[in-house]
PDB file of N, CA and C in Angstrom:
ATOM      1  N   MET A   1      20.582 -20.772 -24.536  1.00  0.00           N
ATOM      2  CA  MET A   1      19.542 -21.865 -24.006  1.00  0.00           C
ATOM      3  C   MET A   1      18.490 -21.139 -23.530  1.00  0.00           C
ATOM      4  N   SER A   2      17.302 -21.929 -24.231  1.00  0.00           N
ATOM      5  CA  SER A   2      16.100 -22.004 -23.864  1.00  0.00           C
ATOM      6  C   SER A   2      15.702 -22.248 -22.945  1.00  0.00           C
ATOM      7  N   HIS A   3      15.105 -21.872 -22.489  1.00  0.00           N
ATOM      8  CA  HIS A   3      13.589 -22.355 -21.048  1.00  0.00           C
ATOM      9  C   HIS A   3      12.430 -22.577 -21.815  1.00  0.00           C
ATOM     10  N   GLY A   4      12.165 -23.885 -21.133  1.00  0.00           N
ATOM     11  CA  GLY A   4      10.204 -23.562 -21.617  1.00  0.00           C
ATOM     12  C   GLY A   4      10.033 -22.627 -21.318  1.00  0.00           C
ATOM     13  N   SER A   5       8.907 -22.441 -21.465  1.00  0.00           N
ATOM     14  CA  SER A   5       8.214 -21.048 -21.521  1.00  0.00           C
ATOM     15  C   SER A   5       6.241 -21.601 -21.483  1.00  0.00           C
ATOM     16  N   ASN A   6       5.528 -20.725 -21.113  1.00  0.00           N
ATOM     17  CA  ASN A   6       4.071 -21.004 -20.895  1.00  0.00           C
ATOM     18  C   ASN A   6       3.683 -20.519 -21.907  1.00  0.00           C
ATOM     19  N   SER A   7       3.322 -21.044 -22.724  1.00  0.00           N
ATOM     20  CA  SER A   7       1.984 -20.301 -24.208  1.00  0.00           C
ATOM     21  C   SER A   7       1.425 -19.717 -23.573  1.00  0.00           C
ATOM     22  N   SER A   8       0.144 -19.269 -22.602  1.00  0.00           N
ATOM     23  CA  SER A   8      -0.278 -18.335 -22.723  1.00  0.00           C
ATOM     24  C   SER A   8       0.287 -16.930 -22.176  1.00  0.00           C
ATOM     25  N   ASP A   9       1.369 -17.322 -21.046  1.00  0.00           N
ATOM     26  CA  ASP A   9       2.264 -15.738 -20.824  1.00  0.00           C
ATOM     27  C   ASP A   9       3.755 -15.616 -21.438  1.00  0.00           C
ATOM     28  N   PRO A  10       3.145 -14.657 -22.390  1.00  0.00           N
ATOM     29  CA  PRO A  10       4.434 -15.232 -23.153  1.00  0.00           C
ATOM     30  C   PRO A  10       5.418 -14.183 -22.705  1.00  0.00           C
ATOM     31  N   SER A  11       5.919 -13.859 -21.355  1.00  0.00           N
ATOM     32  CA  SER A  11       7.103 -13.543 -20.611  1.00  0.00           C
ATOM     33  C   SER A  11       7.386 -14.450 -20.001  1.00  0.00           C
ATOM     34  N   GLY A  12       6.918 -15.233 -19.743  1.00  0.00           N
ATOM     35  CA  GLY A  12       7.345 -16.567 -18.735  1.00  0.00           C
ATOM     36  C   GLY A  12       7.367 -17.074 -17.905  1.00  0.00           C
ATOM     37  N   GLY A  13       5.993 -16.276 -17.051  1.00  0.00           N
ATOM     38  CA  GLY A  13       5.817 -15.846 -15.771  1.00  0.00           C
ATOM     39  C   GLY A  13       5.093 -17.523 -14.967  1.00  0.00           C
ATOM     40  N   VAL A  14       5.683 -17.328 -14.289  1.00  0.00           N
ATOM     41  CA  VAL A  14       4.644 -18.847 -13.465  1.00  0.00           C
ATOM     42  C   VAL A  14       3.092 -18.755 -13.052  1.00  0.00           C
ATOM     43  N   VAL A  15       2.743 -17.572 -12.564  1.00  0.00           N
ATOM     44  CA  VAL A  15       1.831 -17.444 -12.742  1.00  0.00           C
ATOM     45  C   VAL A  15       1.015 -15.779 -12.700  1.00  0.00           C
ATOM     46  N   SER A  16      -0.329 -15.563 -12.644  1.00  0.00           N
ATOM     47  CA  SER A  16      -0.359 -14.402 -13.110  1.00  0.00           C
ATOM     48  C   SER A  16      -0.413 -13.154 -11.670  1.00  0.00           C
ATOM     49  N   THR A  17      -1.142 -12.499 -12.146  1.00  0.00           N
ATOM     50  CA  THR A  17      -0.778 -11.329 -10.896  1.00  0.00           C
ATOM     51  C   THR A  17      -2.550 -11.211 -10.500  1.00  0.00           C
ATOM     52  N   ARG A  18      -3.188 -11.550 -11.783  1.00  0.00           N
ATOM     53  CA  ARG A  18      -4.907 -11.477 -10.785  1.00  0.00           C
ATOM     54  C   ARG A  18      -5.121 -12.665 -10.004  1.00  0.00           C
ATOM     55  N   THR A  19      -4.457 -14.186 -11.054  1.00  0.00           N
ATOM     56  CA  THR A  19      -4.303 -14.939 -10.315  1.00  0.00           C
ATOM     57  C   THR A  19      -4.256 -15.231  -8.424  1.00  0.00           C
ATOM     58  N   MET A  20      -2.798 -13.928  -8.525  1.00  0.00           N
ATOM     59  CA  MET A  20      -2.501 -14.072  -6.626  1.00  0.00           C
ATOM     60  C   MET A  20      -3.512 -12.793  -6.130  1.00  0.00           C
ATOM     61  N   GLU A  21      -3.912 -12.273  -6.522  1.00  0.00           N
ATOM     62  CA  GLU A  21      -5.047 -10.841  -5.661  1.00  0.00           C
ATOM     63  C   GLU A  21      -6.019 -11.645  -5.867  1.00  0.00           C
ATOM     64  N   ILE A  22      -6.236 -12.798  -6.470  1.00  0.00           N
ATOM     65  CA  ILE A  22      -8.100 -13.510  -6.128  1.00  0.00           C
ATOM     66  C   ILE A  22      -7.549 -14.170  -4.851  1.00  0.00           C
ATOM     67  N   THR A  23      -6.550 -15.125  -5.184  1.00  0.00           N
ATOM     68  CA  THR A  23      -5.599 -16.201  -4.256  1.00  0.00           C
ATOM     69  C   THR A  23      -5.207 -15.136  -2.896  1.00  0.00           C
ATOM     70  N   VAL A  24      -4.520 -14.402  -2.887  1.00  0.00           N
ATOM     71  CA  VAL A  24      -4.623 -13.586  -1.937  1.00  0.00           C
ATOM     72  C   VAL A  24      -5.792 -13.242  -0.759  1.00  0.00           C
ATOM     73  N   ALA A  25      -7.294 -12.390  -1.755  1.00  0.00           N
ATOM     74  CA  ALA A  25      -8.164 -12.027  -1.216  1.00  0.00           C
ATOM     75  C   ALA A  25      -8.998 -13.049  -0.052  1.00  0.00           C
ATOM     76  N   VAL A  26      -8.944 -14.268  -1.111  1.00  0.00           N
ATOM     77  CA  VAL A  26      -9.852 -15.608  -0.675  1.00  0.00           C
ATOM     78  C   VAL A  26      -9.411 -15.737   0.666  1.00  0.00           C
ATOM     79  N   ILE A  27      -7.856 -15.822   0.613  1.00  0.00           N
ATOM     80  CA  ILE A  27      -7.138 -15.965   1.876  1.00  0.00           C
ATOM     81  C   ILE A  27      -8.142 -15.382   3.400  1.00  0.00           C
ATOM     82  N   LEU A  28      -7.497 -14.515   2.966  1.00  0.00           N
ATOM     83  CA  LEU A  28      -7.803 -13.053   3.518  1.00  0.00           C
ATOM     84  C   LEU A  28      -9.906 -13.305   3.884  1.00  0.00           C
ATOM     85  N   MET A  29      -9.955 -13.556   3.361  1.00  0.00           N
ATOM     86  CA  MET A  29     -11.964 -13.901   3.485  1.00  0.00           C
ATOM     87  C   MET A  29     -11.818 -15.154   4.501  1.00  0.00           C
ATOM     88  N   VAL A  30     -11.483 -15.945   4.330  1.00  0.00           N
ATOM     89  CA  VAL A  30     -11.192 -17.459   5.410  1.00  0.00           C
ATOM     90  C   VAL A  30     -10.702 -16.714   6.722  1.00  0.00           C
ATOM     91  N   VAL A  31      -9.654 -15.761   7.012  1.00  0.00           N
ATOM     92  CA  VAL A  31      -8.692 -15.344   7.966  1.00  0.00           C
ATOM     93  C   VAL A  31      -9.817 -14.792   8.735  1.00  0.00           C
ATOM     94  N   ALA A  32     -10.845 -13.348   7.527  1.00  0.00           N
ATOM     95  CA  ALA A  32     -11.662 -12.388   8.104  1.00  0.00           C
ATOM     96  C   ALA A  32     -12.959 -13.596   8.596  1.00  0.00           C
ATOM     97  N   THR A  33     -13.264 -14.548   8.431  1.00  0.00           N
ATOM     98  CA  THR A  33     -14.033 -15.862   8.841  1.00  0.00           C
ATOM     99  C   THR A  33     -14.123 -16.048   9.694  1.00  0.00           C
ATOM    100  N   ILE A  34     -12.866 -16.126   9.788  1.00  0.00           N
ATOM    101  CA  ILE A  34     -12.177 -16.924  11.274  1.00  0.00           C
ATOM    102  C   ILE A  34     -12.573 -16.053  12.083  1.00  0.00           C
ATOM    103  N   VAL A  35     -12.045 -15.220  11.832  1.00  0.00           N
ATOM    104  CA  VAL A  35     -12.241 -13.719  13.606  1.00  0.00           C
ATOM    105  C   VAL A  35     -13.341 -13.759  13.212  1.00  0.00           C
ATOM    106  N   MET A  36     -14.153 -13.368  12.479  1.00  0.00           N
ATOM    107  CA  MET A  36     -15.922 -12.901  13.255  1.00  0.00           C
ATOM    108  C   MET A  36     -16.691 -13.826  14.091  1.00  0.00           C
ATOM    109  N   VAL A  37     -16.654 -15.309  13.382  1.00  0.00           N
ATOM    110  CA  VAL A  37     -16.789 -16.509  14.212  1.00  0.00           C
ATOM    111  C   VAL A  37     -16.521 -16.280  15.509  1.00  0.00           C
ATOM    112  N   THR A  38     -14.921 -15.995  15.288  1.00  0.00           N
ATOM    113  CA  THR A  38     -14.571 -16.078  17.292  1.00  0.00           C
ATOM    114  C   THR A  38     -14.895 -15.350  18.388  1.00  0.00           C
ATOM    115  N   SER A  39     -14.819 -13.533  17.198  1.00  0.00           N
ATOM    116  CA  SER A  39     -15.906 -12.157  17.948  1.00  0.00           C
ATOM    117  C   SER A  39     -17.309 -12.960  18.645  1.00  0.00           C
ATOM    118  N   VAL A  40     -17.771 -13.745  17.641  1.00  0.00           N
ATOM    119  CA  VAL A  40     -18.826 -13.858  18.078  1.00  0.00           C
ATOM    120  C   VAL A  40     -19.506 -15.021  19.684  1.00  0.00           C
ATOM    121  N   ARG A  41     -18.518 -15.366  19.781  1.00  0.00           N
ATOM    122  CA  ARG A  41     -18.337 -16.596  20.524  1.00  0.00           C
ATOM    123  C   ARG A  41     -17.892 -15.858  21.567  1.00  0.00           C
ATOM    124  N   LEU A  42     -17.236 -14.869  21.553  1.00  0.00           N
ATOM    125  CA  LEU A  42     -16.500 -14.298  22.745  1.00  0.00           C
ATOM    126  C   LEU A  42     -17.587 -12.788  22.784  1.00  0.00           C
ATOM    127  N   GLY A  43     -18.431 -12.533  22.452  1.00  0.00           N
ATOM    128  CA  GLY A  43     -19.482 -11.433  22.728  1.00  0.00           C
ATOM    129  C   GLY A  43     -18.965 -10.465  21.940  1.00  0.00           C
ATOM    130  N   ALA A  44     -19.614  -9.739  20.478  1.00  0.00           N
ATOM    131  CA  ALA A  44     -19.748  -9.182  19.868  1.00  0.00           C
ATOM    132  C   ALA A  44     -20.781  -7.852  19.843  1.00  0.00           C
ATOM    133  N   GLY A  45     -20.719  -7.616  20.797  1.00  0.00           N
ATOM    134  CA  GLY A  45     -22.380  -6.623  21.019  1.00  0.00           C
ATOM    135  C   GLY A  45     -21.485  -6.011  21.544  1.00  0.00           C
ATOM    136  N   TRP A  46     -23.368  -4.809  22.481  1.00  0.00           N
ATOM    137  CA  TRP A  46     -22.179  -4.024  23.307  1.00  0.00           C
ATOM    138  C   TRP A  46     -23.575  -3.742  24.403  1.00  0.00           C
ATOM    139  N   SER A  47     -22.727  -3.873  25.313  1.00  0.00           N
ATOM    140  CA  SER A  47     -23.488  -4.172  26.638  1.00  0.00           C
ATOM    141  C   SER A  47     -24.059  -2.513  27.244  1.00  0.00           C
ATOM    142  N   PRO A  48     -24.839  -2.768  27.342  1.00  0.00           N
ATOM    143  CA  PRO A  48     -25.408  -1.123  27.585  1.00  0.00           C
ATOM    144  C   PRO A  48     -24.797  -0.858  29.337  1.00  0.00           C
ATOM    145  N   SER A  49     -24.785  -1.217  29.937  1.00  0.00           N
ATOM    146  CA  SER A  49     -23.791  -0.982  31.263  1.00  0.00           C
ATOM    147  C   SER A  49     -22.701  -0.674  30.878  1.00  0.00           C
ATOM    148  N   ILE A  50     -21.016  -1.683  30.448  1.00  0.00           N
ATOM    149  CA  ILE A  50     -20.187  -1.037  30.694  1.00  0.00           C
ATOM    150  C   ILE A  50     -19.353  -1.185  29.183  1.00  0.00           C
ATOM    151  N   GLY A  51     -20.539  -1.087  27.992  1.00  0.00           N
ATOM    152  CA  GLY A  51     -20.402  -0.416  26.392  1.00  0.00           C
ATOM    153  C   GLY A  51     -19.965  -2.297  25.923  1.00  0.00           C
ATOM    154  N   PRO A  52     -18.324  -1.844  24.595  1.00  0.00           N
ATOM    155  CA  PRO A  52     -18.477  -2.832  23.596  1.00  0.00           C
ATOM    156  C   PRO A  52     -18.411  -4.065  24.453  1.00  0.00           C
ATOM    157  N   GLN A  53     -18.494  -5.138  24.278  1.00  0.00           N
ATOM    158  CA  GLN A  53     -17.858  -6.474  24.729  1.00  0.00           C
ATOM    159  C   GLN A  53     -16.915  -6.951  23.799  1.00  0.00           C
ATOM    160  N   SER A  54     -15.555  -7.706  24.208  1.00  0.00           N
ATOM    161  CA  SER A  54     -14.816  -7.624  23.978  1.00  0.00           C
ATOM    162  C   SER A  54     -14.368  -8.330  22.300  1.00  0.00           C
ATOM    163  N   GLY A  55     -15.636  -8.860  21.876  1.00  0.00           N
ATOM    164  CA  GLY A  55     -15.404  -8.798  20.887  1.00  0.00           C
ATOM    165  C   GLY A  55     -15.469  -8.443  19.368  1.00  0.00           C
ATOM    166  N   TYR A  56     -16.381  -6.950  19.907  1.00  0.00           N
ATOM    167  CA  TYR A  56     -17.298  -5.493  19.273  1.00  0.00           C
ATOM    168  C   TYR A  56     -16.225  -5.568  17.979  1.00  0.00           C
ATOM    169  N   PHE A  57     -15.006  -4.962  18.336  1.00  0.00           N
ATOM    170  CA  PHE A  57     -14.210  -4.180  18.325  1.00  0.00           C
ATOM    171  C   PHE A  57     -13.185  -5.142  16.502  1.00  0.00           C
ATOM    172  N   PRO A  58     -12.878  -6.316  16.839  1.00  0.00           N
ATOM    173  CA  PRO A  58     -12.224  -7.374  15.950  1.00  0.00           C
ATOM    174  C   PRO A  58     -13.250  -7.980  15.018  1.00  0.00           C
ATOM    175  N   PHE A  59     -14.257  -8.058  15.724  1.00  0.00           N
ATOM    176  CA  PHE A  59     -16.360  -8.352  14.047  1.00  0.00           C
ATOM    177  C   PHE A  59     -15.945  -7.618  13.245  1.00  0.00           C
ATOM    178  N   TYR A  60     -15.843  -6.578  13.775  1.00  0.00           N
ATOM    179  CA  TYR A  60     -16.271  -5.039  12.921  1.00  0.00           C
ATOM    180  C   TYR A  60     -14.897  -4.955  11.435  1.00  0.00           C
ATOM    181  N   VAL A  61     -13.580  -4.977  12.160  1.00  0.00           N
ATOM    182  CA  VAL A  61     -12.695  -4.686  11.294  1.00  0.00           C
ATOM    183  C   VAL A  61     -12.139  -6.084  10.503  1.00  0.00           C
ATOM    184  N   ALA A  62     -12.800  -7.364  11.539  1.00  0.00           N
ATOM    185  CA  ALA A  62     -12.960  -8.428  10.131  1.00  0.00           C
ATOM    186  C   ALA A  62     -13.768  -8.235   9.561  1.00  0.00           C
ATOM    187  N   LEU A  63     -14.972  -7.536   9.558  1.00  0.00           N
ATOM    188  CA  LEU A  63     -15.650  -7.280   8.917  1.00  0.00           C
ATOM    189  C   LEU A  63     -15.633  -6.708   7.229  1.00  0.00           C
ATOM    190  N   ILE A  64     -15.339  -6.517   7.966  1.00  0.00           N
ATOM    191  CA  ILE A  64     -14.439  -4.540   6.670  1.00  0.00           C
ATOM    192  C   ILE A  64     -13.298  -5.182   5.940  1.00  0.00           C
ATOM    193  N   MET A  65     -12.479  -5.804   6.169  1.00  0.00           N
ATOM    194  CA  MET A  65     -11.004  -7.015   5.643  1.00  0.00           C
ATOM    195  C   MET A  65     -12.409  -7.739   4.663  1.00  0.00           C
ATOM    196  N   PHE A  66     -13.075  -8.555   5.051  1.00  0.00           N
ATOM    197  CA  PHE A  66     -13.987  -9.260   4.896  1.00  0.00           C
ATOM    198  C   PHE A  66     -14.907  -9.156   3.126  1.00  0.00           C
ATOM    199  N   LEU A  67     -15.275  -7.711   3.739  1.00  0.00           N
ATOM    200  CA  LEU A  67     -16.365  -6.975   2.610  1.00  0.00           C
ATOM    201  C   LEU A  67     -14.944  -6.358   1.339  1.00  0.00           C
ATOM    202  N   ALA A  68     -13.799  -6.166   1.814  1.00  0.00           N
ATOM    203  CA  ALA A  68     -12.983  -5.314   1.153  1.00  0.00           C
ATOM    204  C   ALA A  68     -12.264  -6.307   0.214  1.00  0.00           C
ATOM    205  N   SER A  69     -12.016  -7.453   0.904  1.00  0.00           N
ATOM    206  CA  SER A  69     -11.109  -8.656  -0.068  1.00  0.00           C
ATOM    207  C   SER A  69     -12.612  -9.230  -1.185  1.00  0.00           C
ATOM    208  N   GLY A  70     -13.911  -9.764  -0.666  1.00  0.00           N
ATOM    209  CA  GLY A  70     -14.458 -10.335  -1.248  1.00  0.00           C
ATOM    210  C   GLY A  70     -14.680  -8.853  -2.706  1.00  0.00           C
ATOM    211  N   ALA A  71     -14.945  -7.579  -2.815  1.00  0.00           N
ATOM    212  CA  ALA A  71     -14.599  -6.433  -3.829  1.00  0.00           C
ATOM    213  C   ALA A  71     -13.465  -6.858  -4.422  1.00  0.00           C
ATOM    214  N   THR A  72     -12.162  -7.163  -3.906  1.00  0.00           N
ATOM    215  CA  THR A  72     -10.893  -7.881  -4.801  1.00  0.00           C
ATOM    216  C   THR A  72     -11.516  -8.533  -6.177  1.00  0.00           C
ATOM    217  N   VAL A  73     -12.237  -9.445  -5.070  1.00  0.00           N
ATOM    218  CA  VAL A  73     -11.659 -11.061  -5.938  1.00  0.00           C
ATOM    219  C   VAL A  73     -13.096 -10.491  -7.179  1.00  0.00           C
ATOM    220  N   VAL A  74     -14.140  -9.463  -7.025  1.00  0.00           N
ATOM    221  CA  VAL A  74     -15.746  -9.444  -7.748  1.00  0.00           C
ATOM    222  C   VAL A  74     -14.941  -8.503  -8.834  1.00  0.00           C
ATOM    223  N   GLN A  75     -13.368  -7.884  -8.070  1.00  0.00           N
ATOM    224  CA  GLN A  75     -13.495  -6.590  -9.291  1.00  0.00           C
ATOM    225  C   GLN A  75     -12.267  -7.584 -10.266  1.00  0.00           C
ATOM    226  N   GLN A  76     -11.446  -8.495  -9.495  1.00  0.00           N
ATOM    227  CA  GLN A  76     -10.427  -9.285 -10.873  1.00  0.00           C
ATOM    228  C   GLN A  76     -11.569 -10.056 -11.616  1.00  0.00           C
ATOM    229  N   LEU A  77     -12.562 -10.431 -10.951  1.00  0.00           N
ATOM    230  CA  LEU A  77     -13.184 -11.665 -11.919  1.00  0.00           C
ATOM    231  C   LEU A  77     -13.655 -11.430 -12.862  1.00  0.00           C
ATOM    232  N   LEU A  78     -14.433  -9.541 -12.604  1.00  0.00           N
ATOM    233  CA  LEU A  78     -15.078  -9.054 -13.852  1.00  0.00           C
ATOM    234  C   LEU A  78     -13.878  -8.282 -14.876  1.00  0.00           C
ATOM    235  N   SER A  79     -12.988  -8.289 -14.874  1.00  0.00           N
ATOM    236  CA  SER A  79     -11.925  -7.577 -15.150  1.00  0.00           C
ATOM    237  C   SER A  79     -11.054  -8.708 -16.089  1.00  0.00           C
ATOM    238  N   ARG A  80     -12.120  -8.899 -17.507  1.00  0.00           N
ATOM    239  CA  ARG A  80     -11.012  -9.956 -18.082  1.00  0.00           C
ATOM    240  C   ARG A  80     -10.757  -9.145 -19.213  1.00  0.00           C
ATOM    241  N   SER A  81     -10.492  -8.518 -19.499  1.00  0.00           N
ATOM    242  CA  SER A  81     -10.720  -7.508 -20.539  1.00  0.00           C
ATOM    243  C   SER A  81      -9.087  -6.778 -21.359  1.00  0.00           C
ATOM    244  N   LYS A  82      -8.454  -7.356 -20.238  1.00  0.00           N
ATOM    245  CA  LYS A  82      -6.828  -7.177 -20.467  1.00  0.00           C
ATOM    246  C   LYS A  82      -5.924  -8.214 -19.853  1.00  0.00           C
ATOM    247  N   PRO A  83      -5.066  -8.493 -20.334  1.00  0.00           N
ATOM    248  CA  PRO A  83      -4.163  -9.711 -19.654  1.00  0.00           C
ATOM    249  C   PRO A  83      -3.283  -9.490 -18.490  1.00  0.00           C
ATOM    250  N   SER A  84      -2.965 -10.568 -17.359  1.00  0.00           N
ATOM    251  CA  SER A  84      -2.792  -9.940 -16.310  1.00  0.00           C
ATOM    252  C   SER A  84      -1.186  -9.875 -16.579  1.00  0.00           C
ATOM    253  N   PRO A  85      -0.492  -9.418 -16.045  1.00  0.00           N
ATOM    254  CA  PRO A  85       1.062  -9.758 -16.319  1.00  0.00           C
ATOM    255  C   PRO A  85       1.271 -10.791 -15.326  1.00  0.00           C
ATOM    256  N   SER A  86       2.988 -11.050 -15.391  1.00  0.00           N
ATOM    257  CA  SER A  86       3.016 -11.914 -14.446  1.00  0.00           C
ATOM    258  C   SER A  86       3.482 -11.420 -13.276  1.00  0.00           C
ATOM    259  N   PHE A  87       2.536 -12.106 -12.318  1.00  0.00           N
ATOM    260  CA  PHE A  87       3.331 -12.375 -11.106  1.00  0.00           C
ATOM    261  C   PHE A  87       5.283 -12.239 -10.440  1.00  0.00           C
ATOM    262  N   ILE A  88       5.648 -13.270 -11.002  1.00  0.00           N
ATOM    263  CA  ILE A  88       6.520 -13.165 -10.992  1.00  0.00           C
ATOM    264  C   ILE A  88       7.322 -14.106 -12.240  1.00  0.00           C
ATOM    265  N   GLY A  89       8.610 -13.822 -12.509  1.00  0.00           N
ATOM    266  CA  GLY A  89       8.776 -14.223 -14.128  1.00  0.00           C
ATOM    267  C   GLY A  89       9.844 -14.892 -14.451  1.00  0.00           C
TER     268      GLY A  89
END
């Protein structure tokens, strides 16, 4: 019994791993942006009298998450040399 297959993916997968990595990285960048904006509203600075304000650490964690996700997107967009395997077959 033969099922229909995608001609661009010989393994019959629905979506490639590369596409899923880009999608998840972009979603994480959106989440990180929301956290950074909220942290700035709370106060993401350093107060000389009490130390870090309430949004200080969440802002920098979200910034690191944003940069790492951005690096993943760039890496995946630049790696077009070999075909990506199927994410789900």
